Amino acid sequence: MEPVIYRVTQEQLGNDDLTDFLRRAIARQFEGKEYYVAKEEDVLRPTHYSKTPRKLRGFMINEANTTGHAIWFDVTDVKSITWVG
């Protein structure tokens, strides 16, 4: 099973900082739950929807007393970032 990858566009981001934007999205996803970001990773790789490598930023999220979750964001179309990776 392929992981869910959320695509982020420059229009969605606007003038916001990418990391702040993504962390707010994660906070909304886990609202009301106790969680923490255990790891953040940038990778360049093909996806299930594109054979051309895409810029992906992943977060490993751990919830209290449960297993971890991997959340990936495709940030290829965000032009305001400098990519390291």
N, C-alpha and C. Protein backbone atom coordinates (compact mmCIF):
# COMPACT_ATOMS: atom_id res chain seq x y z
N MET A 1 0.84 -1.18 0.00
CA MET A 1 0.00 0.00 0.00
C MET A 1 0.89 1.25 0.00
N GLU A 2 0.61 2.14 -0.91
CA GLU A 2 1.37 3.39 -1.02
C GLU A 2 0.96 4.35 0.10
N PRO A 3 1.91 5.11 0.61
CA PRO A 3 1.54 6.10 1.64
C PRO A 3 0.73 7.24 1.02
N VAL A 4 -0.09 7.85 1.83
CA VAL A 4 -0.84 9.02 1.38
C VAL A 4 0.13 10.19 1.30
N ILE A 5 0.09 10.89 0.19
CA ILE A 5 0.96 12.05 -0.02
C ILE A 5 0.04 13.23 -0.32
N TYR A 6 0.14 14.26 0.50
CA TYR A 6 -0.66 15.47 0.30
C TYR A 6 0.13 16.44 -0.55
N ARG A 7 -0.45 16.88 -1.64
CA ARG A 7 0.23 17.83 -2.54
C ARG A 7 -0.02 19.25 -2.06
N VAL A 8 1.04 20.03 -1.95
CA VAL A 8 0.96 21.41 -1.50
C VAL A 8 1.31 22.31 -2.68
N THR A 9 0.48 23.29 -2.93
CA THR A 9 0.73 24.22 -4.03
C THR A 9 1.16 25.57 -3.47
N GLN A 10 1.77 26.36 -4.31
CA GLN A 10 2.18 27.71 -3.92
C GLN A 10 0.96 28.54 -3.53
N GLU A 11 -0.17 28.33 -4.20
CA GLU A 11 -1.39 29.07 -3.90
C GLU A 11 -1.87 28.77 -2.48
N GLN A 12 -1.79 27.51 -2.06
CA GLN A 12 -2.18 27.14 -0.70
C GLN A 12 -1.25 27.79 0.32
N LEU A 13 0.02 27.78 0.01
CA LEU A 13 1.03 28.28 0.93
C LEU A 13 0.99 29.80 1.05
N GLY A 14 0.76 30.47 -0.07
CA GLY A 14 0.77 31.93 -0.06
C GLY A 14 2.13 32.45 0.36
N ASN A 15 2.15 33.37 1.31
CA ASN A 15 3.42 33.93 1.81
C ASN A 15 3.88 33.26 3.10
N ASP A 16 3.21 32.20 3.53
CA ASP A 16 3.57 31.51 4.76
C ASP A 16 4.88 30.75 4.60
N ASP A 17 5.54 30.51 5.71
CA ASP A 17 6.72 29.66 5.76
C ASP A 17 6.25 28.22 5.58
N LEU A 18 6.95 27.46 4.73
CA LEU A 18 6.52 26.09 4.42
C LEU A 18 6.46 25.21 5.67
N THR A 19 7.49 25.24 6.49
CA THR A 19 7.51 24.39 7.68
C THR A 19 6.37 24.75 8.62
N ASP A 20 6.13 26.05 8.83
CA ASP A 20 5.01 26.47 9.68
C ASP A 20 3.68 25.98 9.10
N PHE A 21 3.52 26.11 7.78
CA PHE A 21 2.30 25.68 7.11
C PHE A 21 2.06 24.18 7.32
N LEU A 22 3.11 23.37 7.13
CA LEU A 22 2.98 21.93 7.26
C LEU A 22 2.71 21.52 8.71
N ARG A 23 3.35 22.18 9.64
CA ARG A 23 3.12 21.86 11.05
C ARG A 23 1.70 22.24 11.49
N ARG A 24 1.15 23.33 10.94
CA ARG A 24 -0.25 23.68 11.22
C ARG A 24 -1.20 22.62 10.64
N ALA A 25 -0.87 22.11 9.45
CA ALA A 25 -1.69 21.05 8.84
C ALA A 25 -1.66 19.80 9.70
N ILE A 26 -0.50 19.45 10.22
CA ILE A 26 -0.37 18.29 11.10
C ILE A 26 -1.16 18.52 12.38
N ALA A 27 -1.07 19.71 12.94
CA ALA A 27 -1.80 20.04 14.17
C ALA A 27 -3.31 19.88 13.97
N ARG A 28 -3.81 20.29 12.80
CA ARG A 28 -5.24 20.12 12.50
C ARG A 28 -5.60 18.63 12.40
N GLN A 29 -4.70 17.86 11.79
CA GLN A 29 -4.95 16.42 11.63
C GLN A 29 -5.03 15.70 12.99
N PHE A 30 -4.21 16.13 13.94
CA PHE A 30 -4.15 15.47 15.24
C PHE A 30 -4.77 16.32 16.35
N GLU A 31 -5.66 17.22 15.98
CA GLU A 31 -6.30 18.10 16.96
C GLU A 31 -6.97 17.29 18.08
N GLY A 32 -6.71 17.71 19.30
CA GLY A 32 -7.30 17.03 20.45
C GLY A 32 -6.55 15.79 20.89
N LYS A 33 -5.46 15.46 20.21
CA LYS A 33 -4.68 14.27 20.55
C LYS A 33 -3.30 14.70 21.02
N GLU A 34 -2.71 13.89 21.86
CA GLU A 34 -1.35 14.14 22.31
C GLU A 34 -0.40 13.49 21.31
N TYR A 35 0.46 14.29 20.68
CA TYR A 35 1.38 13.78 19.66
C TYR A 35 2.65 14.61 19.66
N TYR A 36 3.67 14.08 18.99
CA TYR A 36 4.88 14.87 18.75
C TYR A 36 5.51 14.42 17.44
N VAL A 37 6.25 15.34 16.82
CA VAL A 37 6.97 15.05 15.58
C VAL A 37 8.29 14.41 15.98
N ALA A 38 8.46 13.13 15.63
CA ALA A 38 9.66 12.40 16.01
C ALA A 38 10.79 12.61 14.99
N LYS A 39 10.42 12.83 13.74
CA LYS A 39 11.43 12.95 12.69
C LYS A 39 10.84 13.72 11.52
N GLU A 40 11.70 14.49 10.87
CA GLU A 40 11.32 15.20 9.65
C GLU A 40 12.37 14.86 8.60
N GLU A 41 11.91 14.60 7.37
CA GLU A 41 12.84 14.15 6.33
C GLU A 41 12.44 14.72 4.97
N ASP A 42 13.44 15.15 4.21
CA ASP A 42 13.24 15.59 2.83
C ASP A 42 13.83 14.52 1.91
N VAL A 43 13.04 14.11 0.91
CA VAL A 43 13.52 13.12 -0.06
C VAL A 43 13.11 13.54 -1.45
N LEU A 44 13.83 13.06 -2.42
CA LEU A 44 13.52 13.27 -3.83
C LEU A 44 13.31 11.88 -4.41
N ARG A 45 12.05 11.55 -4.78
CA ARG A 45 11.79 10.21 -5.29
C ARG A 45 10.51 10.18 -6.11
N PRO A 46 10.39 9.18 -6.98
CA PRO A 46 9.15 9.01 -7.73
C PRO A 46 8.02 8.65 -6.77
N THR A 47 6.81 8.90 -7.19
CA THR A 47 5.63 8.57 -6.39
C THR A 47 4.72 7.66 -7.19
N HIS A 48 3.64 7.23 -6.57
CA HIS A 48 2.69 6.38 -7.29
C HIS A 48 1.94 7.16 -8.37
N TYR A 49 2.02 8.50 -8.37
CA TYR A 49 1.34 9.30 -9.39
C TYR A 49 2.31 10.00 -10.34
N SER A 50 3.61 9.82 -10.13
CA SER A 50 4.59 10.46 -11.02
C SER A 50 5.88 9.63 -11.06
N LYS A 51 6.30 9.28 -12.27
CA LYS A 51 7.57 8.56 -12.41
C LYS A 51 8.76 9.50 -12.27
N THR A 52 8.52 10.79 -12.51
CA THR A 52 9.55 11.80 -12.32
C THR A 52 9.71 12.05 -10.83
N PRO A 53 10.93 12.08 -10.32
CA PRO A 53 11.10 12.32 -8.87
C PRO A 53 10.44 13.61 -8.41
N ARG A 54 9.80 13.53 -7.26
CA ARG A 54 9.10 14.66 -6.65
C ARG A 54 9.79 15.02 -5.34
N LYS A 55 9.69 16.28 -4.95
CA LYS A 55 10.24 16.75 -3.68
C LYS A 55 9.22 16.46 -2.59
N LEU A 56 9.58 15.56 -1.68
CA LEU A 56 8.68 15.15 -0.62
C LEU A 56 9.26 15.52 0.75
N ARG A 57 8.41 16.03 1.61
CA ARG A 57 8.80 16.29 2.99
C ARG A 57 7.93 15.39 3.86
N GLY A 58 8.59 14.55 4.64
CA GLY A 58 7.87 13.60 5.47
C GLY A 58 8.04 13.89 6.95
N PHE A 59 7.01 13.57 7.70
CA PHE A 59 7.02 13.73 9.15
C PHE A 59 6.62 12.41 9.77
N MET A 60 7.40 11.96 10.75
CA MET A 60 7.04 10.79 11.54
C MET A 60 6.38 11.32 12.79
N ILE A 61 5.12 10.99 12.98
CA ILE A 61 4.32 11.49 14.09
C ILE A 61 4.07 10.35 15.06
N ASN A 62 4.34 10.59 16.32
CA ASN A 62 4.03 9.61 17.36
C ASN A 62 2.92 10.16 18.23
N GLU A 63 1.88 9.34 18.40
CA GLU A 63 0.80 9.68 19.31
C GLU A 63 1.05 8.97 20.63
N ALA A 64 0.57 9.54 21.70
CA ALA A 64 0.73 8.91 23.02
C ALA A 64 0.06 7.54 23.01
N ASN A 65 0.81 6.53 23.44
CA ASN A 65 0.30 5.16 23.61
C ASN A 65 -0.18 4.48 22.32
N THR A 66 0.28 4.96 21.16
CA THR A 66 -0.10 4.29 19.91
C THR A 66 1.12 4.22 18.99
N THR A 67 0.94 3.57 17.88
CA THR A 67 2.02 3.47 16.90
C THR A 67 2.21 4.79 16.18
N GLY A 68 3.32 4.91 15.46
CA GLY A 68 3.62 6.13 14.73
C GLY A 68 2.90 6.21 13.40
N HIS A 69 2.86 7.41 12.87
CA HIS A 69 2.25 7.68 11.57
C HIS A 69 3.27 8.41 10.72
N ALA A 70 3.33 8.07 9.45
CA ALA A 70 4.15 8.82 8.50
C ALA A 70 3.22 9.67 7.66
N ILE A 71 3.50 10.96 7.60
CA ILE A 71 2.71 11.88 6.79
C ILE A 71 3.67 12.53 5.79
N TRP A 72 3.32 12.44 4.52
CA TRP A 72 4.16 12.98 3.46
C TRP A 72 3.46 14.11 2.74
N PHE A 73 4.23 15.13 2.39
CA PHE A 73 3.73 16.27 1.62
C PHE A 73 4.60 16.41 0.38
N ASP A 74 3.96 16.51 -0.78
CA ASP A 74 4.66 16.77 -2.04
C ASP A 74 4.75 18.29 -2.17
N VAL A 75 5.97 18.81 -2.06
CA VAL A 75 6.18 20.26 -2.10
C VAL A 75 6.88 20.70 -3.39
N THR A 76 6.85 19.85 -4.40
CA THR A 76 7.51 20.13 -5.68
C THR A 76 7.03 21.44 -6.29
N ASP A 77 5.73 21.72 -6.18
CA ASP A 77 5.16 22.89 -6.83
C ASP A 77 5.28 24.18 -6.01
N VAL A 78 5.89 24.08 -4.84
CA VAL A 78 6.11 25.28 -4.01
C VAL A 78 7.41 25.91 -4.48
N LYS A 79 7.30 27.07 -5.07
CA LYS A 79 8.48 27.71 -5.67
C LYS A 79 9.29 28.53 -4.67
N SER A 80 8.75 28.77 -3.48
CA SER A 80 9.42 29.64 -2.52
C SER A 80 10.39 28.92 -1.60
N ILE A 81 10.65 27.62 -1.86
CA ILE A 81 11.56 26.88 -0.98
C ILE A 81 12.90 26.64 -1.68
N THR A 82 13.92 26.54 -0.87
CA THR A 82 15.22 26.09 -1.35
C THR A 82 15.34 24.63 -0.96
N TRP A 83 15.51 23.75 -1.92
CA TRP A 83 15.51 22.32 -1.67
C TRP A 83 16.90 21.83 -1.30
N VAL A 84 16.97 21.12 -0.20
CA VAL A 84 18.21 20.46 0.22
C VAL A 84 17.93 18.97 0.19
N GLY A 85 18.67 18.24 -0.62
CA GLY A 85 18.43 16.81 -0.63
C GLY A 85 18.63 16.16 -1.93
